Amino acid sequence: MFTGIIEEIGSVKRISIGGKSGSLEISAKKVLEGSKVGDSIAVNGVCLTVTSLSPSSFTADVMAETLRRSSLASLSVGSGVNLERAMAADGRFGGHIVSGHIDGTGTISKMQKEENAVWVHIKASSEILNLIVEKGSIAIDGISLTVAGVNESEFSVSIIPHTSKETTLLSKKPGDIVNLENDIIGKYLQKLVSLQSFGSSQNDSAKDDKFLSWLSED
């Protein structure tokens, strides 16, 4: 589990993609401290498992499903990436619950400066937008952010100078793709509601069948 509080910006050192899967080597410093093979590190919000370590980098495998759902396939050598180690049991919970399992991607449509902040507008699918609420949480490239506005086609966040300095988000431009992870609480609630609705429809159907059977007996 992660919190969406980025620890450092790393750099893609090597990309080895064959077919629909492969591996990434990321140059880093802070996230290497205390890390070992088998640990999880979020790269632009994608939970990856460390397969090897060097004094200045780590390597992780990337499977086909990850490349399909995320923007990792668009990375190139030298690309900056947001990095966060899995949350320690005694750590501070500064952001929100982030699983590192990407729901999909969005496209930056507009960026507007307002005083000391920058508004970032992101277009996304209805499946993702349906789980976004104003003043709720969303992870964008692994960054825990508060939703400032949402409509039927896009949502927006406001980026403060600290977030700008500590992450890669404002290095992007309109048209760039970002990884999105909805608030996991909203996803669980959606699942529970759908199960309840399904159960109700099943009960109604059973009642209708029983009534029709009773009519046919007469």
Protein backbone atom coordinates (compact mmCIF):
# COMPACT_ATOMS: atom_id res chain seq x y z
CA MET A 1 0.00 0.00 0.00
CA PHE A 2 1.10 3.56 -0.77
CA THR A 3 0.04 7.03 0.32
CA GLY A 4 0.54 9.06 -2.86
CA ILE A 5 3.22 11.22 -1.22
CA ILE A 6 6.08 11.14 -3.72
CA GLU A 7 9.51 10.55 -2.18
CA GLU A 8 11.66 11.52 -5.13
CA ILE A 9 11.80 11.90 -8.90
CA GLY A 10 13.79 9.11 -10.54
CA SER A 11 15.00 8.75 -14.11
CA VAL A 12 14.54 5.90 -16.57
CA LYS A 13 17.98 4.41 -17.15
CA ARG A 14 17.08 1.43 -19.32
CA ILE A 15 13.97 0.07 -21.02
CA SER A 16 13.76 -3.50 -22.24
CA ILE A 17 10.36 -4.23 -23.77
CA GLY A 18 9.97 -7.38 -25.87
CA GLY A 19 6.53 -8.01 -27.32
CA LYS A 20 4.00 -6.93 -24.69
CA SER A 21 6.16 -7.09 -21.55
CA GLY A 22 9.66 -6.35 -20.33
CA SER A 23 11.59 -4.54 -17.62
CA LEU A 24 12.60 -1.06 -16.50
CA GLU A 25 15.74 0.14 -14.76
CA ILE A 26 15.23 3.34 -12.78
CA SER A 27 17.99 5.56 -11.44
CA ALA A 28 17.11 6.64 -7.91
CA LYS A 29 18.57 7.47 -4.53
CA LYS A 30 16.13 7.88 -1.65
CA VAL A 31 13.82 4.95 -2.48
CA LEU A 32 16.83 2.61 -2.57
CA GLU A 33 17.41 3.17 1.16
CA GLY A 34 16.32 0.03 2.98
CA SER A 35 14.87 -1.52 -0.18
CA LYS A 36 15.57 -5.12 -1.13
CA VAL A 37 14.66 -7.52 -3.94
CA GLY A 38 10.96 -8.35 -3.72
CA ASP A 39 9.93 -4.98 -2.28
CA SER A 40 7.32 -2.79 -3.97
CA ILE A 41 8.04 0.65 -5.40
CA ALA A 42 5.41 2.75 -7.17
CA VAL A 43 6.65 4.17 -10.48
CA ASN A 44 4.30 6.92 -11.70
CA GLY A 45 1.69 5.29 -9.51
CA VAL A 46 2.23 1.75 -10.80
CA CYS A 47 3.18 -0.78 -8.13
CA LEU A 48 6.26 -2.66 -9.39
CA THR A 49 8.30 -5.38 -7.70
CA VAL A 50 12.03 -4.83 -7.39
CA THR A 51 13.91 -7.65 -9.15
CA SER A 52 17.44 -6.33 -8.73
CA LEU A 53 19.29 -3.47 -7.06
CA SER A 54 22.48 -1.53 -7.65
CA PRO A 55 23.94 1.34 -5.60
CA SER A 56 22.19 3.86 -7.88
CA SER A 57 19.22 2.08 -9.48
CA PHE A 58 16.64 -0.67 -9.29
CA THR A 59 15.09 -2.93 -11.92
CA ALA A 60 11.50 -4.13 -12.09
CA ASP A 61 9.59 -6.38 -14.46
CA VAL A 62 6.58 -4.97 -16.29
CA MET A 63 3.89 -7.39 -17.45
CA ALA A 64 1.59 -6.99 -20.44
CA GLU A 65 -1.46 -6.03 -18.33
CA THR A 66 0.51 -3.18 -16.75
CA LEU A 67 1.55 -1.81 -20.13
CA ARG A 68 -2.05 -2.01 -21.40
CA ARG A 69 -3.51 -0.11 -18.45
CA SER A 70 -0.81 2.47 -17.80
CA SER A 71 1.40 5.03 -19.51
CA LEU A 72 4.63 3.13 -18.77
CA ALA A 73 4.88 2.02 -22.40
CA SER A 74 5.33 5.68 -23.41
CA LEU A 75 8.40 6.19 -21.21
CA SER A 76 11.82 6.67 -22.80
CA VAL A 77 15.37 6.68 -21.47
CA GLY A 78 15.80 9.85 -19.44
CA SER A 79 12.11 10.25 -18.59
CA GLY A 80 11.47 11.49 -15.07
CA VAL A 81 9.21 9.30 -12.94
CA ASN A 82 7.53 9.75 -9.56
CA LEU A 83 8.74 7.20 -6.99
CA GLU A 84 7.35 6.02 -3.68
CA ARG A 85 8.21 3.02 -1.53
CA ALA A 86 5.40 0.97 0.00
CA MET A 87 4.23 2.55 3.24
CA ALA A 88 6.04 1.42 6.38
CA ALA A 89 3.83 0.19 9.23
CA ASP A 90 5.09 3.02 11.46
CA GLY A 91 4.96 5.67 8.74
CA ARG A 92 2.80 8.80 8.55
CA PHE A 93 -0.35 8.56 6.43
CA GLY A 94 -0.04 11.89 4.64
CA GLY A 95 -2.07 11.23 1.49
CA HIS A 96 -4.81 8.65 0.95
CA ILE A 97 -4.95 4.88 0.42
CA VAL A 98 -3.22 4.17 -2.90
CA SER A 99 -2.89 0.56 -4.05
CA GLY A 100 -0.62 1.14 -7.04
CA HIS A 101 -3.11 -0.68 -9.27
CA ILE A 102 -3.94 1.69 -12.10
CA ASP A 103 -7.57 1.98 -13.22
CA GLY A 104 -6.67 3.57 -16.54
CA THR A 105 -5.16 6.67 -18.07
CA GLY A 106 -6.27 10.22 -18.71
CA THR A 107 -5.12 12.98 -21.04
CA ILE A 108 -4.13 16.46 -19.91
CA SER A 109 -6.44 18.86 -21.75
CA LYS A 110 -5.43 22.20 -20.26
CA MET A 111 -3.08 23.81 -17.74
CA GLN A 112 -3.77 27.26 -16.28
CA LYS A 113 -1.73 29.28 -13.80
CA GLU A 114 -3.64 31.02 -11.01
CA GLU A 115 -1.57 33.02 -8.54
CA ASN A 116 0.89 30.52 -6.99
CA ALA A 117 -0.96 27.41 -8.19
CA VAL A 118 -1.56 25.70 -11.52
CA TRP A 119 -4.87 24.15 -12.56
CA VAL A 120 -4.54 20.89 -14.44
CA HIS A 121 -7.57 19.60 -16.36
CA ILE A 122 -7.62 15.91 -17.30
CA LYS A 123 -9.98 14.13 -19.68
CA ALA A 124 -10.85 10.56 -18.69
CA SER A 125 -13.28 7.75 -19.45
CA SER A 126 -16.76 7.68 -17.91
CA GLU A 127 -15.76 4.59 -15.89
CA ILE A 128 -13.10 6.64 -14.11
CA LEU A 129 -15.11 9.88 -13.89
CA ASN A 130 -18.06 8.08 -12.30
CA LEU A 131 -15.89 7.35 -9.26
CA ILE A 132 -14.53 10.90 -8.90
CA VAL A 133 -16.18 13.37 -6.52
CA GLU A 134 -15.34 17.02 -5.90
CA LYS A 135 -13.04 17.38 -2.90
CA GLY A 136 -12.40 13.64 -3.02
CA SER A 137 -9.01 12.01 -3.64
CA ILE A 138 -7.39 10.73 -6.83
CA ALA A 139 -3.88 9.51 -7.62
CA ILE A 140 -2.36 11.03 -10.77
CA ASP A 141 0.94 9.38 -11.75
CA GLY A 142 1.05 8.19 -8.14
CA ILE A 143 0.50 11.66 -6.64
CA SER A 144 -2.26 11.93 -4.04
CA LEU A 145 -4.33 14.95 -5.04
CA THR A 146 -7.65 16.55 -4.12
CA VAL A 147 -10.22 16.86 -6.90
CA ALA A 148 -11.13 20.54 -7.37
CA GLY A 149 -13.84 20.00 -9.98
CA VAL A 150 -15.41 17.29 -12.13
CA ASN A 151 -17.94 17.13 -14.97
CA GLU A 152 -19.09 14.55 -17.52
CA SER A 153 -15.88 14.67 -19.57
CA GLU A 154 -12.99 15.71 -17.31
CA PHE A 155 -11.82 16.61 -13.82
CA SER A 156 -9.40 19.18 -12.49
CA VAL A 157 -6.84 19.54 -9.71
CA SER A 158 -4.91 22.54 -8.43
CA ILE A 159 -1.15 22.07 -8.01
CA ILE A 160 0.67 24.00 -5.29
CA PRO A 161 4.37 24.96 -5.64
CA HIS A 162 5.56 22.16 -3.32
CA THR A 163 3.83 19.47 -5.41
CA SER A 164 5.18 21.08 -8.55
CA LYS A 165 8.73 20.93 -7.21
CA GLU A 166 8.56 17.40 -5.81
CA THR A 167 6.80 15.62 -8.72
CA THR A 168 6.83 15.43 -12.51
CA LEU A 169 3.24 16.60 -13.08
CA LEU A 170 3.92 20.16 -14.21
CA SER A 171 6.72 19.03 -16.51
CA LYS A 172 3.97 17.59 -18.70
CA LYS A 173 1.92 19.44 -21.28
CA PRO A 174 -1.56 19.26 -22.81
CA GLY A 175 -1.93 16.02 -24.75
CA ASP A 176 0.30 14.02 -22.40
CA ILE A 177 -1.07 10.84 -20.82
CA VAL A 178 -1.13 10.26 -17.06
CA ASN A 179 -1.90 7.21 -14.92
CA LEU A 180 -5.07 7.39 -12.83
CA GLU A 181 -6.14 5.44 -9.77
CA ASN A 182 -9.55 6.09 -8.24
CA ASP A 183 -10.08 6.18 -4.48
CA ILE A 184 -10.34 2.52 -3.46
CA ILE A 185 -13.17 3.27 -1.00
CA GLY A 186 -15.33 4.49 -3.87
CA LYS A 187 -14.57 1.34 -5.86
CA TYR A 188 -15.64 -0.91 -3.00
CA LEU A 189 -18.83 1.09 -2.51
CA GLN A 190 -19.64 0.85 -6.21
CA LYS A 191 -19.17 -2.93 -6.07
CA LEU A 192 -21.39 -3.30 -3.00
CA VAL A 193 -24.16 -1.18 -4.54
CA SER A 194 -24.05 -3.17 -7.78
CA LEU A 195 -24.27 -6.45 -5.85
CA GLN A 196 -27.26 -5.17 -3.88
CA SER A 197 -28.96 -4.01 -7.08
CA PHE A 198 -28.31 -7.39 -8.69
CA GLY A 199 -29.72 -9.19 -5.65
CA SER A 200 -32.84 -7.03 -5.70
CA SER A 201 -33.43 -7.66 -9.40
CA GLN A 202 -32.98 -11.40 -8.86
CA ASN A 203 -35.56 -11.36 -6.04
CA ASP A 204 -37.99 -9.34 -8.16
CA SER A 205 -37.54 -11.78 -11.05
CA ALA A 206 -38.21 -14.74 -8.72
CA LYS A 207 -41.38 -13.06 -7.45
CA ASP A 208 -42.56 -12.44 -11.02
CA ASP A 209 -41.93 -16.08 -11.96
CA LYS A 210 -43.86 -17.27 -8.91
CA PHE A 211 -46.80 -14.98 -9.76
CA LEU A 212 -46.90 -16.17 -13.39
CA SER A 213 -46.79 -19.79 -12.21
CA TRP A 214 -49.73 -19.11 -9.89
CA LEU A 215 -51.72 -17.57 -12.77
CA SER A 216 -51.07 -20.56 -15.04
CA GLU A 217 -52.39 -22.93 -12.37
CA ASP A 218 -55.76 -21.15 -12.46
